[in-house]
Amino acid sequence: MTIAEKIKALRKQAKLTQTELGEMLGVQKNAVSKWECGRVTDIPAGKIKAMAKIFDVQPSYLIDNERDEPRPGDREPIPDEDVKFALFGGDQEITDEMYEEVRQFAAFVKARNRK
């Protein structure tokens, strides 16, 4: 899968239009369109890094034409503060002990599902 195909697939998966992605990256819709069509292949490294962050993948996934699917580790780790906010409405409402219990339970479920 080419970088062009990956950008288009990830953009659609994120339910973004070319215009919206362009605005997030500080480029015109035409630039995104050219990237997705493969007409422009020398995408600036800063834009690749920004897209990787938007799509929650590593920049290497976007550039590696040999890899069709993200592998474990390609996704950026989610900061603890974001997890606390998602689970408990913010980190003010959860103690470190409560959060550690959630992390241990998640590890238990993950290990159980590997069997």
PDB file of N, CA and C in Angstrom:
ATOM      1  N   MET A   1       0.857  -1.172   0.000  1.00  0.00           N
ATOM      2  CA  MET A   1       0.000   0.000   0.000  1.00  0.00           C
ATOM      3  C   MET A   1       0.903   1.235   0.000  1.00  0.00           C
ATOM      4  N   THR A   2       0.610   2.178  -0.856  1.00  0.00           N
ATOM      5  CA  THR A   2       1.423   3.388  -0.972  1.00  0.00           C
ATOM      6  C   THR A   2       1.033   4.402   0.092  1.00  0.00           C
ATOM      7  N   ILE A   3       1.885   5.401   0.263  1.00  0.00           N
ATOM      8  CA  ILE A   3       1.567   6.475   1.214  1.00  0.00           C
ATOM      9  C   ILE A   3       0.280   7.179   0.798  1.00  0.00           C
ATOM     10  N   ALA A   4       0.068   7.318  -0.508  1.00  0.00           N
ATOM     11  CA  ALA A   4      -1.151   7.962  -1.004  1.00  0.00           C
ATOM     12  C   ALA A   4      -2.387   7.181  -0.577  1.00  0.00           C
ATOM     13  N   GLU A   5      -2.343   5.861  -0.752  1.00  0.00           N
ATOM     14  CA  GLU A   5      -3.480   5.021  -0.373  1.00  0.00           C
ATOM     15  C   GLU A   5      -3.705   5.043   1.139  1.00  0.00           C
ATOM     16  N   LYS A   6      -2.606   5.058   1.897  1.00  0.00           N
ATOM     17  CA  LYS A   6      -2.726   5.087   3.357  1.00  0.00           C
ATOM     18  C   LYS A   6      -3.344   6.394   3.841  1.00  0.00           C
ATOM     19  N   ILE A   7      -2.897   7.508   3.272  1.00  0.00           N
ATOM     20  CA  ILE A   7      -3.450   8.812   3.676  1.00  0.00           C
ATOM     21  C   ILE A   7      -4.956   8.836   3.417  1.00  0.00           C
ATOM     22  N   LYS A   8      -5.348   8.398   2.228  1.00  0.00           N
ATOM     23  CA  LYS A   8      -6.767   8.418   1.876  1.00  0.00           C
ATOM     24  C   LYS A   8      -7.570   7.501   2.793  1.00  0.00           C
ATOM     25  N   ALA A   9      -7.074   6.285   3.029  1.00  0.00           N
ATOM     26  CA  ALA A   9      -7.796   5.333   3.873  1.00  0.00           C
ATOM     27  C   ALA A   9      -7.897   5.830   5.316  1.00  0.00           C
ATOM     28  N   LEU A  10      -6.808   6.357   5.839  1.00  0.00           N
ATOM     29  CA  LEU A  10      -6.819   6.850   7.218  1.00  0.00           C
ATOM     30  C   LEU A  10      -7.709   8.078   7.359  1.00  0.00           C
ATOM     31  N   ARG A  11      -7.692   8.941   6.348  1.00  0.00           N
ATOM     32  CA  ARG A  11      -8.558  10.134   6.379  1.00  0.00           C
ATOM     33  C   ARG A  11     -10.022   9.724   6.404  1.00  0.00           C
ATOM     34  N   LYS A  12     -10.372   8.772   5.552  1.00  0.00           N
ATOM     35  CA  LYS A  12     -11.768   8.315   5.502  1.00  0.00           C
ATOM     36  C   LYS A  12     -12.149   7.601   6.799  1.00  0.00           C
ATOM     37  N   GLN A  13     -11.232   6.809   7.339  1.00  0.00           N
ATOM     38  CA  GLN A  13     -11.490   6.124   8.606  1.00  0.00           C
ATOM     39  C   GLN A  13     -11.734   7.134   9.724  1.00  0.00           C
ATOM     40  N   ALA A  14     -11.022   8.265   9.660  1.00  0.00           N
ATOM     41  CA  ALA A  14     -11.192   9.322  10.661  1.00  0.00           C
ATOM     42  C   ALA A  14     -12.403  10.203  10.353  1.00  0.00           C
ATOM     43  N   LYS A  15     -13.088   9.903   9.250  1.00  0.00           N
ATOM     44  CA  LYS A  15     -14.276  10.656   8.826  1.00  0.00           C
ATOM     45  C   LYS A  15     -13.962  12.136   8.621  1.00  0.00           C
ATOM     46  N   LEU A  16     -12.817  12.386   7.963  1.00  0.00           N
ATOM     47  CA  LEU A  16     -12.409  13.749   7.648  1.00  0.00           C
ATOM     48  C   LEU A  16     -12.508  13.970   6.151  1.00  0.00           C
ATOM     49  N   THR A  17     -12.876  15.170   5.750  1.00  0.00           N
ATOM     50  CA  THR A  17     -12.821  15.526   4.339  1.00  0.00           C
ATOM     51  C   THR A  17     -11.401  15.978   4.013  1.00  0.00           C
ATOM     52  N   GLN A  18     -11.103  16.071   2.751  1.00  0.00           N
ATOM     53  CA  GLN A  18      -9.792  16.588   2.349  1.00  0.00           C
ATOM     54  C   GLN A  18      -9.619  18.018   2.863  1.00  0.00           C
ATOM     55  N   THR A  19     -10.676  18.787   2.828  1.00  0.00           N
ATOM     56  CA  THR A  19     -10.625  20.163   3.310  1.00  0.00           C
ATOM     57  C   THR A  19     -10.307  20.200   4.803  1.00  0.00           C
ATOM     58  N   GLU A  20     -10.993  19.356   5.582  1.00  0.00           N
ATOM     59  CA  GLU A  20     -10.768  19.326   7.028  1.00  0.00           C
ATOM     60  C   GLU A  20      -9.337  18.901   7.356  1.00  0.00           C
ATOM     61  N   LEU A  21      -8.841  17.857   6.679  1.00  0.00           N
ATOM     62  CA  LEU A  21      -7.471  17.418   6.921  1.00  0.00           C
ATOM     63  C   LEU A  21      -6.497  18.522   6.532  1.00  0.00           C
ATOM     64  N   GLY A  22      -6.748  19.164   5.410  1.00  0.00           N
ATOM     65  CA  GLY A  22      -5.894  20.263   4.978  1.00  0.00           C
ATOM     66  C   GLY A  22      -5.851  21.379   6.007  1.00  0.00           C
ATOM     67  N   GLU A  23      -7.003  21.732   6.553  1.00  0.00           N
ATOM     68  CA  GLU A  23      -7.048  22.780   7.582  1.00  0.00           C
ATOM     69  C   GLU A  23      -6.244  22.371   8.819  1.00  0.00           C
ATOM     70  N   MET A  24      -6.347  21.114   9.199  1.00  0.00           N
ATOM     71  CA  MET A  24      -5.605  20.631  10.370  1.00  0.00           C
ATOM     72  C   MET A  24      -4.095  20.669  10.134  1.00  0.00           C
ATOM     73  N   LEU A  25      -3.704  20.501   8.865  1.00  0.00           N
ATOM     74  CA  LEU A  25      -2.283  20.465   8.520  1.00  0.00           C
ATOM     75  C   LEU A  25      -1.755  21.810   8.039  1.00  0.00           C
ATOM     76  N   GLY A  26      -2.655  22.775   7.847  1.00  0.00           N
ATOM     77  CA  GLY A  26      -2.229  24.083   7.370  1.00  0.00           C
ATOM     78  C   GLY A  26      -1.901  24.106   5.887  1.00  0.00           C
ATOM     79  N   VAL A  27      -2.612  23.247   5.119  1.00  0.00           N
ATOM     80  CA  VAL A  27      -2.418  23.213   3.658  1.00  0.00           C
ATOM     81  C   VAL A  27      -3.784  23.288   2.989  1.00  0.00           C
ATOM     82  N   GLN A  28      -3.773  23.557   1.706  1.00  0.00           N
ATOM     83  CA  GLN A  28      -5.008  23.619   0.935  1.00  0.00           C
ATOM     84  C   GLN A  28      -5.522  22.214   0.636  1.00  0.00           C
ATOM     85  N   LYS A  29      -6.810  22.120   0.352  1.00  0.00           N
ATOM     86  CA  LYS A  29      -7.433  20.853  -0.027  1.00  0.00           C
ATOM     87  C   LYS A  29      -6.704  20.243  -1.225  1.00  0.00           C
ATOM     88  N   ASN A  30      -6.253  21.095  -2.133  1.00  0.00           N
ATOM     89  CA  ASN A  30      -5.563  20.604  -3.330  1.00  0.00           C
ATOM     90  C   ASN A  30      -4.308  19.806  -2.975  1.00  0.00           C
ATOM     91  N   ALA A  31      -3.605  20.229  -1.943  1.00  0.00           N
ATOM     92  CA  ALA A  31      -2.393  19.510  -1.534  1.00  0.00           C
ATOM     93  C   ALA A  31      -2.759  18.108  -1.057  1.00  0.00           C
ATOM     94  N   VAL A  32      -3.791  18.011  -0.240  1.00  0.00           N
ATOM     95  CA  VAL A  32      -4.233  16.707   0.256  1.00  0.00           C
ATOM     96  C   VAL A  32      -4.667  15.836  -0.920  1.00  0.00           C
ATOM     97  N   SER A  33      -5.394  16.408  -1.853  1.00  0.00           N
ATOM     98  CA  SER A  33      -5.847  15.676  -3.028  1.00  0.00           C
ATOM     99  C   SER A  33      -4.651  15.138  -3.822  1.00  0.00           C
ATOM    100  N   LYS A  34      -3.638  15.963  -4.010  1.00  0.00           N
ATOM    101  CA  LYS A  34      -2.439  15.538  -4.755  1.00  0.00           C
ATOM    102  C   LYS A  34      -1.698  14.433  -4.021  1.00  0.00           C
ATOM    103  N   TRP A  35      -1.642  14.514  -2.687  1.00  0.00           N
ATOM    104  CA  TRP A  35      -0.993  13.459  -1.909  1.00  0.00           C
ATOM    105  C   TRP A  35      -1.746  12.148  -2.084  1.00  0.00           C
ATOM    106  N   GLU A  36      -3.085  12.217  -2.014  1.00  0.00           N
ATOM    107  CA  GLU A  36      -3.902  11.007  -2.086  1.00  0.00           C
ATOM    108  C   GLU A  36      -3.912  10.392  -3.483  1.00  0.00           C
ATOM    109  N   CYS A  37      -3.713  11.197  -4.490  1.00  0.00           N
ATOM    110  CA  CYS A  37      -3.662  10.684  -5.864  1.00  0.00           C
ATOM    111  C   CYS A  37      -2.262  10.199  -6.237  1.00  0.00           C
ATOM    112  N   GLY A  38      -1.297  10.520  -5.408  1.00  0.00           N
ATOM    113  CA  GLY A  38       0.073  10.117  -5.685  1.00  0.00           C
ATOM    114  C   GLY A  38       0.808  11.036  -6.636  1.00  0.00           C
ATOM    115  N   ARG A  39       0.200  12.184  -6.955  1.00  0.00           N
ATOM    116  CA  ARG A  39       0.861  13.132  -7.856  1.00  0.00           C
ATOM    117  C   ARG A  39       2.008  13.854  -7.178  1.00  0.00           C
ATOM    118  N   VAL A  40       1.937  13.985  -5.858  1.00  0.00           N
ATOM    119  CA  VAL A  40       3.020  14.592  -5.086  1.00  0.00           C
ATOM    120  C   VAL A  40       3.499  13.546  -4.085  1.00  0.00           C
ATOM    121  N   THR A  41       4.772  13.183  -4.192  1.00  0.00           N
ATOM    122  CA  THR A  41       5.309  12.157  -3.309  1.00  0.00           C
ATOM    123  C   THR A  41       6.329  12.718  -2.321  1.00  0.00           C
ATOM    124  N   ASP A  42       6.766  13.938  -2.545  1.00  0.00           N
ATOM    125  CA  ASP A  42       7.752  14.542  -1.640  1.00  0.00           C
ATOM    126  C   ASP A  42       7.040  15.382  -0.573  1.00  0.00           C
ATOM    127  N   ILE A  43       6.243  14.697   0.227  1.00  0.00           N
ATOM    128  CA  ILE A  43       5.482  15.350   1.296  1.00  0.00           C
ATOM    129  C   ILE A  43       6.468  15.757   2.386  1.00  0.00           C
ATOM    130  N   PRO A  44       6.421  17.010   2.837  1.00  0.00           N
ATOM    131  CA  PRO A  44       7.346  17.444   3.884  1.00  0.00           C
ATOM    132  C   PRO A  44       7.248  16.575   5.140  1.00  0.00           C
ATOM    133  N   ALA A  45       8.389  16.308   5.734  1.00  0.00           N
ATOM    134  CA  ALA A  45       8.452  15.460   6.928  1.00  0.00           C
ATOM    135  C   ALA A  45       7.539  15.988   8.035  1.00  0.00           C
ATOM    136  N   GLY A  46       7.480  17.299   8.185  1.00  0.00           N
ATOM    137  CA  GLY A  46       6.617  17.884   9.214  1.00  0.00           C
ATOM    138  C   GLY A  46       5.153  17.555   8.991  1.00  0.00           C
ATOM    139  N   LYS A  47       4.735  17.507   7.731  1.00  0.00           N
ATOM    140  CA  LYS A  47       3.335  17.176   7.415  1.00  0.00           C
ATOM    141  C   LYS A  47       3.070  15.687   7.652  1.00  0.00           C
ATOM    142  N   ILE A  48       4.059  14.845   7.348  1.00  0.00           N
ATOM    143  CA  ILE A  48       3.907  13.410   7.605  1.00  0.00           C
ATOM    144  C   ILE A  48       3.782  13.170   9.110  1.00  0.00           C
ATOM    145  N   LYS A  49       4.624  13.849   9.892  1.00  0.00           N
ATOM    146  CA  LYS A  49       4.558  13.698  11.353  1.00  0.00           C
ATOM    147  C   LYS A  49       3.213  14.184  11.880  1.00  0.00           C
ATOM    148  N   ALA A  50       2.728  15.302  11.353  1.00  0.00           N
ATOM    149  CA  ALA A  50       1.446  15.845  11.800  1.00  0.00           C
ATOM    150  C   ALA A  50       0.301  14.896  11.434  1.00  0.00           C
ATOM    151  N   MET A  51       0.342  14.333  10.214  1.00  0.00           N
ATOM    152  CA  MET A  51      -0.697  13.379   9.820  1.00  0.00           C
ATOM    153  C   MET A  51      -0.655  12.144  10.707  1.00  0.00           C
ATOM    154  N   ALA A  52       0.542  11.667  11.005  1.00  0.00           N
ATOM    155  CA  ALA A  52       0.682  10.487  11.860  1.00  0.00           C
ATOM    156  C   ALA A  52       0.039  10.742  13.214  1.00  0.00           C
ATOM    157  N   LYS A  53       0.234  11.931  13.734  1.00  0.00           N
ATOM    158  CA  LYS A  53      -0.363  12.274  15.032  1.00  0.00           C
ATOM    159  C   LYS A  53      -1.889  12.335  14.922  1.00  0.00           C
ATOM    160  N   ILE A  54      -2.389  12.932  13.863  1.00  0.00           N
ATOM    161  CA  ILE A  54      -3.834  13.027  13.647  1.00  0.00           C
ATOM    162  C   ILE A  54      -4.446  11.626  13.535  1.00  0.00           C
ATOM    163  N   PHE A  55      -3.772  10.741  12.794  1.00  0.00           N
ATOM    164  CA  PHE A  55      -4.305   9.404  12.551  1.00  0.00           C
ATOM    165  C   PHE A  55      -3.888   8.393  13.611  1.00  0.00           C
ATOM    166  N   ASP A  56      -3.103   8.845  14.580  1.00  0.00           N
ATOM    167  CA  ASP A  56      -2.675   7.992  15.687  1.00  0.00           C
ATOM    168  C   ASP A  56      -1.872   6.781  15.205  1.00  0.00           C
ATOM    169  N   VAL A  57      -0.924   7.040  14.293  1.00  0.00           N
ATOM    170  CA  VAL A  57       0.010   6.021  13.835  1.00  0.00           C
ATOM    171  C   VAL A  57       1.410   6.616  13.866  1.00  0.00           C
ATOM    172  N   GLN A  58       2.406   5.750  13.766  1.00  0.00           N
ATOM    173  CA  GLN A  58       3.779   6.227  13.689  1.00  0.00           C
ATOM    174  C   GLN A  58       4.051   6.740  12.276  1.00  0.00           C
ATOM    175  N   PRO A  59       4.897   7.765  12.126  1.00  0.00           N
ATOM    176  CA  PRO A  59       5.242   8.246  10.788  1.00  0.00           C
ATOM    177  C   PRO A  59       5.810   7.141   9.894  1.00  0.00           C
ATOM    178  N   SER A  60       6.542   6.201  10.486  1.00  0.00           N
ATOM    179  CA  SER A  60       7.141   5.115   9.701  1.00  0.00           C
ATOM    180  C   SER A  60       6.074   4.263   9.012  1.00  0.00           C
ATOM    181  N   TYR A  61       4.905   4.121   9.631  1.00  0.00           N
ATOM    182  CA  TYR A  61       3.830   3.366   8.987  1.00  0.00           C
ATOM    183  C   TYR A  61       3.402   4.044   7.684  1.00  0.00           C
ATOM    184  N   LEU A  62       3.304   5.358   7.715  1.00  0.00           N
ATOM    185  CA  LEU A  62       2.874   6.071   6.509  1.00  0.00           C
ATOM    186  C   LEU A  62       3.883   5.921   5.379  1.00  0.00           C
ATOM    187  N   ILE A  63       5.164   5.953   5.714  1.00  0.00           N
ATOM    188  CA  ILE A  63       6.189   5.982   4.662  1.00  0.00           C
ATOM    189  C   ILE A  63       6.560   4.592   4.148  1.00  0.00           C
ATOM    190  N   ASP A  64       6.319   3.560   4.941  1.00  0.00           N
ATOM    191  CA  ASP A  64       6.731   2.204   4.569  1.00  0.00           C
ATOM    192  C   ASP A  64       5.706   1.580   3.623  1.00  0.00           C
ATOM    193  N   ASN A  65       6.055   1.493   2.341  1.00  0.00           N
ATOM    194  CA  ASN A  65       5.142   0.946   1.331  1.00  0.00           C
ATOM    195  C   ASN A  65       4.949  -0.562   1.461  1.00  0.00           C
ATOM    196  N   GLU A  66       5.784  -1.226   2.239  1.00  0.00           N
ATOM    197  CA  GLU A  66       5.693  -2.676   2.383  1.00  0.00           C
ATOM    198  C   GLU A  66       4.615  -3.082   3.394  1.00  0.00           C
ATOM    199  N   ARG A  67       4.201  -2.159   4.243  1.00  0.00           N
ATOM    200  CA  ARG A  67       3.249  -2.485   5.307  1.00  0.00           C
ATOM    201  C   ARG A  67       1.867  -1.978   4.952  1.00  0.00           C
ATOM    202  N   ASP A  68       0.925  -2.921   4.896  1.00  0.00           N
ATOM    203  CA  ASP A  68      -0.446  -2.547   4.551  1.00  0.00           C
ATOM    204  C   ASP A  68      -1.304  -2.224   5.763  1.00  0.00           C
ATOM    205  N   GLU A  69      -0.970  -2.785   6.913  1.00  0.00           N
ATOM    206  CA  GLU A  69      -1.756  -2.579   8.123  1.00  0.00           C
ATOM    207  C   GLU A  69      -0.842  -2.112   9.243  1.00  0.00           C
ATOM    208  N   PRO A  70      -1.324  -1.215  10.094  1.00  0.00           N
ATOM    209  CA  PRO A  70      -0.518  -0.841  11.263  1.00  0.00           C
ATOM    210  C   PRO A  70      -0.304  -2.062  12.146  1.00  0.00           C
ATOM    211  N   ARG A  71       0.887  -2.177  12.720  1.00  0.00           N
ATOM    212  CA  ARG A  71       1.202  -3.258  13.644  1.00  0.00           C
ATOM    213  C   ARG A  71       1.130  -2.730  15.065  1.00  0.00           C
ATOM    214  N   PRO A  72       1.049  -3.641  16.040  1.00  0.00           N
ATOM    215  CA  PRO A  72       1.104  -3.172  17.428  1.00  0.00           C
ATOM    216  C   PRO A  72       2.366  -2.344  17.622  1.00  0.00           C
ATOM    217  N   GLY A  73       2.240  -1.248  18.278  1.00  0.00           N
ATOM    218  CA  GLY A  73       3.375  -0.350  18.461  1.00  0.00           C
ATOM    219  C   GLY A  73       3.384   0.785  17.461  1.00  0.00           C
ATOM    220  N   ASP A  74       2.620   0.634  16.358  1.00  0.00           N
ATOM    221  CA  ASP A  74       2.531   1.729  15.392  1.00  0.00           C
ATOM    222  C   ASP A  74       1.709   2.872  15.952  1.00  0.00           C
ATOM    223  N   ARG A  75       0.740   2.543  16.763  1.00  0.00           N
ATOM    224  CA  ARG A  75      -0.107   3.575  17.344  1.00  0.00           C
ATOM    225  C   ARG A  75       0.624   4.263  18.481  1.00  0.00           C
ATOM    226  N   GLU A  76       0.418   5.541  18.572  1.00  0.00           N
ATOM    227  CA  GLU A  76       1.031   6.325  19.644  1.00  0.00           C
ATOM    228  C   GLU A  76       0.434   5.879  20.978  1.00  0.00           C
ATOM    229  N   PRO A  77       1.249   5.762  22.028  1.00  0.00           N
ATOM    230  CA  PRO A  77       0.671   5.425  23.326  1.00  0.00           C
ATOM    231  C   PRO A  77      -0.251   6.538  23.817  1.00  0.00           C
ATOM    232  N   ILE A  78      -1.328   6.161  24.461  1.00  0.00           N
ATOM    233  CA  ILE A  78      -2.287   7.137  24.965  1.00  0.00           C
ATOM    234  C   ILE A  78      -1.833   7.584  26.346  1.00  0.00           C
ATOM    235  N   PRO A  79      -1.666   8.884  26.549  1.00  0.00           N
ATOM    236  CA  PRO A  79      -1.227   9.373  27.862  1.00  0.00           C
ATOM    237  C   PRO A  79      -2.221   9.015  28.963  1.00  0.00           C
ATOM    238  N   ASP A  80      -1.693   8.740  30.160  1.00  0.00           N
ATOM    239  CA  ASP A  80      -2.533   8.377  31.303  1.00  0.00           C
ATOM    240  C   ASP A  80      -3.615   9.420  31.551  1.00  0.00           C
ATOM    241  N   GLU A  81      -3.288  10.696  31.371  1.00  0.00           N
ATOM    242  CA  GLU A  81      -4.268  11.751  31.629  1.00  0.00           C
ATOM    243  C   GLU A  81      -5.475  11.613  30.706  1.00  0.00           C
ATOM    244  N   ASP A  82      -5.238  11.203  29.450  1.00  0.00           N
ATOM    245  CA  ASP A  82      -6.339  11.029  28.504  1.00  0.00           C
ATOM    246  C   ASP A  82      -7.214   9.849  28.893  1.00  0.00           C
ATOM    247  N   VAL A  83      -6.575   8.775  29.352  1.00  0.00           N
ATOM    248  CA  VAL A  83      -7.330   7.603  29.784  1.00  0.00           C
ATOM    249  C   VAL A  83      -8.182   7.951  31.001  1.00  0.00           C
ATOM    250  N   LYS A  84      -7.580   8.647  31.958  1.00  0.00           N
ATOM    251  CA  LYS A  84      -8.328   9.043  33.160  1.00  0.00           C
ATOM    252  C   LYS A  84      -9.522   9.914  32.785  1.00  0.00           C
ATOM    253  N   PHE A  85      -9.302  10.833  31.866  1.00  0.00           N
ATOM    254  CA  PHE A  85     -10.391  11.709  31.454  1.00  0.00           C
ATOM    255  C   PHE A  85     -11.504  10.898  30.799  1.00  0.00           C
ATOM    256  N   ALA A  86     -11.128   9.960  29.921  1.00  0.00           N
ATOM    257  CA  ALA A  86     -12.132   9.163  29.220  1.00  0.00           C
ATOM    258  C   ALA A  86     -12.911   8.260  30.173  1.00  0.00           C
ATOM    259  N   LEU A  87     -12.225   7.678  31.140  1.00  0.00           N
ATOM    260  CA  LEU A  87     -12.876   6.738  32.048  1.00  0.00           C
ATOM    261  C   LEU A  87     -13.636   7.407  33.179  1.00  0.00           C
ATOM    262  N   PHE A  88     -13.085   8.499  33.679  1.00  0.00           N
ATOM    263  CA  PHE A  88     -13.611   9.060  34.917  1.00  0.00           C
ATOM    264  C   PHE A  88     -13.979  10.532  34.828  1.00  0.00           C
ATOM    265  N   GLY A  89     -13.971  11.108  33.647  1.00  0.00           N
ATOM    266  CA  GLY A  89     -14.332  12.515  33.516  1.00  0.00           C
ATOM    267  C   GLY A  89     -13.247  13.462  33.967  1.00  0.00           C
ATOM    268  N   GLY A  90     -12.038  13.005  34.050  1.00  0.00           N
ATOM    269  CA  GLY A  90     -10.908  13.848  34.456  1.00  0.00           C
ATOM    270  C   GLY A  90     -10.124  13.197  35.565  1.00  0.00           C
ATOM    271  N   ASP A  91      -8.898  13.656  35.760  1.00  0.00           N
ATOM    272  CA  ASP A  91      -8.050  13.018  36.762  1.00  0.00           C
ATOM    273  C   ASP A  91      -8.306  13.527  38.180  1.00  0.00           C
ATOM    274  N   GLN A  92      -9.168  14.533  38.352  1.00  0.00           N
ATOM    275  CA  GLN A  92      -9.469  15.013  39.694  1.00  0.00           C
ATOM    276  C   GLN A  92     -10.378  14.036  40.441  1.00  0.00           C
ATOM    277  N   GLU A  93     -11.131  13.219  39.708  1.00  0.00           N
ATOM    278  CA  GLU A  93     -12.103  12.336  40.320  1.00  0.00           C
ATOM    279  C   GLU A  93     -11.559  10.937  40.573  1.00  0.00           C
ATOM    280  N   ILE A  94     -10.305  10.691  40.326  1.00  0.00           N
ATOM    281  CA  ILE A  94      -9.763   9.347  40.477  1.00  0.00           C
ATOM    282  C   ILE A  94      -8.454   9.410  41.254  1.00  0.00           C
ATOM    283  N   THR A  95      -8.299   8.473  42.156  1.00  0.00           N
ATOM    284  CA  THR A  95      -7.041   8.395  42.896  1.00  0.00           C
ATOM    285  C   THR A  95      -6.069   7.536  42.102  1.00  0.00           C
ATOM    286  N   ASP A  96      -4.798   7.632  42.434  1.00  0.00           N
ATOM    287  CA  ASP A  96      -3.789   6.806  41.775  1.00  0.00           C
ATOM    288  C   ASP A  96      -4.070   5.323  41.994  1.00  0.00           C
ATOM    289  N   GLU A  97      -4.567   4.977  43.167  1.00  0.00           N
ATOM    290  CA  GLU A  97      -4.883   3.583  43.473  1.00  0.00           C
ATOM    291  C   GLU A  97      -6.011   3.065  42.574  1.00  0.00           C
ATOM    292  N   MET A  98      -7.047   3.889  42.386  1.00  0.00           N
ATOM    293  CA  MET A  98      -8.155   3.494  41.517  1.00  0.00           C
ATOM    294  C   MET A  98      -7.656   3.285  40.093  1.00  0.00           C
ATOM    295  N   TYR A  99      -6.825   4.188  39.636  1.00  0.00           N
ATOM    296  CA  TYR A  99      -6.320   4.088  38.270  1.00  0.00           C
ATOM    297  C   TYR A  99      -5.446   2.841  38.120  1.00  0.00           C
ATOM    298  N   GLU A 100      -4.640   2.531  39.107  1.00  0.00           N
ATOM    299  CA  GLU A 100      -3.788   1.344  39.048  1.00  0.00           C
ATOM    300  C   GLU A 100      -4.639   0.080  38.983  1.00  0.00           C
ATOM    301  N   GLU A 101      -5.753   0.045  39.693  1.00  0.00           N
ATOM    302  CA  GLU A 101      -6.648  -1.101  39.615  1.00  0.00           C
ATOM    303  C   GLU A 101      -7.189  -1.277  38.198  1.00  0.00           C
ATOM    304  N   VAL A 102      -7.537  -0.181  37.550  1.00  0.00           N
ATOM    305  CA  VAL A 102      -8.036  -0.245  36.179  1.00  0.00           C
ATOM    306  C   VAL A 102      -6.937  -0.773  35.257  1.00  0.00           C
ATOM    307  N   ARG A 103      -5.709  -0.290  35.429  1.00  0.00           N
ATOM    308  CA  ARG A 103      -4.588  -0.754  34.599  1.00  0.00           C
ATOM    309  C   ARG A 103      -4.343  -2.244  34.808  1.00  0.00           C
ATOM    310  N   GLN A 104      -4.405  -2.710  36.050  1.00  0.00           N
ATOM    311  CA  GLN A 104      -4.191  -4.131  36.332  1.00  0.00           C
ATOM    312  C   GLN A 104      -5.302  -4.982  35.720  1.00  0.00           C
ATOM    313  N   PHE A 105      -6.529  -4.496  35.787  1.00  0.00           N
ATOM    314  CA  PHE A 105      -7.633  -5.228  35.192  1.00  0.00           C
ATOM    315  C   PHE A 105      -7.465  -5.312  33.673  1.00  0.00           C
ATOM    316  N   ALA A 106      -7.061  -4.209  33.057  1.00  0.00           N
ATOM    317  CA  ALA A 106      -6.838  -4.204  31.611  1.00  0.00           C
ATOM    318  C   ALA A 106      -5.748  -5.206  31.232  1.00  0.00           C
ATOM    319  N   ALA A 107      -4.668  -5.268  32.008  1.00  0.00           N
ATOM    320  CA  ALA A 107      -3.590  -6.224  31.745  1.00  0.00           C
ATOM    321  C   ALA A 107      -4.107  -7.657  31.898  1.00  0.00           C
ATOM    322  N   PHE A 108      -4.951  -7.899  32.908  1.00  0.00           N
ATOM    323  CA  PHE A 108      -5.536  -9.218  33.118  1.00  0.00           C
ATOM    324  C   PHE A 108      -6.376  -9.632  31.904  1.00  0.00           C
ATOM    325  N   VAL A 109      -7.250  -8.750  31.444  1.00  0.00           N
ATOM    326  CA  VAL A 109      -8.118  -9.056  30.305  1.00  0.00           C
ATOM    327  C   VAL A 109      -7.284  -9.319  29.057  1.00  0.00           C
ATOM    328  N   LYS A 110      -6.268  -8.502  28.843  1.00  0.00           N
ATOM    329  CA  LYS A 110      -5.405  -8.679  27.666  1.00  0.00           C
ATOM    330  C   LYS A 110      -4.708 -10.032  27.716  1.00  0.00           C
ATOM    331  N   ALA A 111      -4.167 -10.394  28.882  1.00  0.00           N
ATOM    332  CA  ALA A 111      -3.475 -11.674  29.025  1.00  0.00           C
ATOM    333  C   ALA A 111      -4.457 -12.836  28.840  1.00  0.00           C
ATOM    334  N   ARG A 112      -5.653 -12.717  29.374  1.00  0.00           N
ATOM    335  CA  ARG A 112      -6.665 -13.781  29.244  1.00  0.00           C
ATOM    336  C   ARG A 112      -7.037 -13.991  27.793  1.00  0.00           C
ATOM    337  N   ASN A 113      -7.140 -12.915  27.031  1.00  0.00           N
ATOM    338  CA  ASN A 113      -7.551 -13.021  25.627  1.00  0.00           C
ATOM    339  C   ASN A 113      -6.448 -13.580  24.733  1.00  0.00           C
ATOM    340  N   ARG A 114      -5.215 -13.567  25.191  1.00  0.00           N
ATOM    341  CA  ARG A 114      -4.105 -14.140  24.404  1.00  0.00           C
ATOM    342  C   ARG A 114      -4.106 -15.656  24.442  1.00  0.00           C
ATOM    343  N   LYS A 115      -4.753 -16.241  25.446  1.00  0.00           N
ATOM    344  CA  LYS A 115      -4.726 -17.699  25.622  1.00  0.00           C
ATOM    345  C   LYS A 115      -5.579 -18.396  24.601  1.00  0.00           C
TER     346      LYS A 115
END
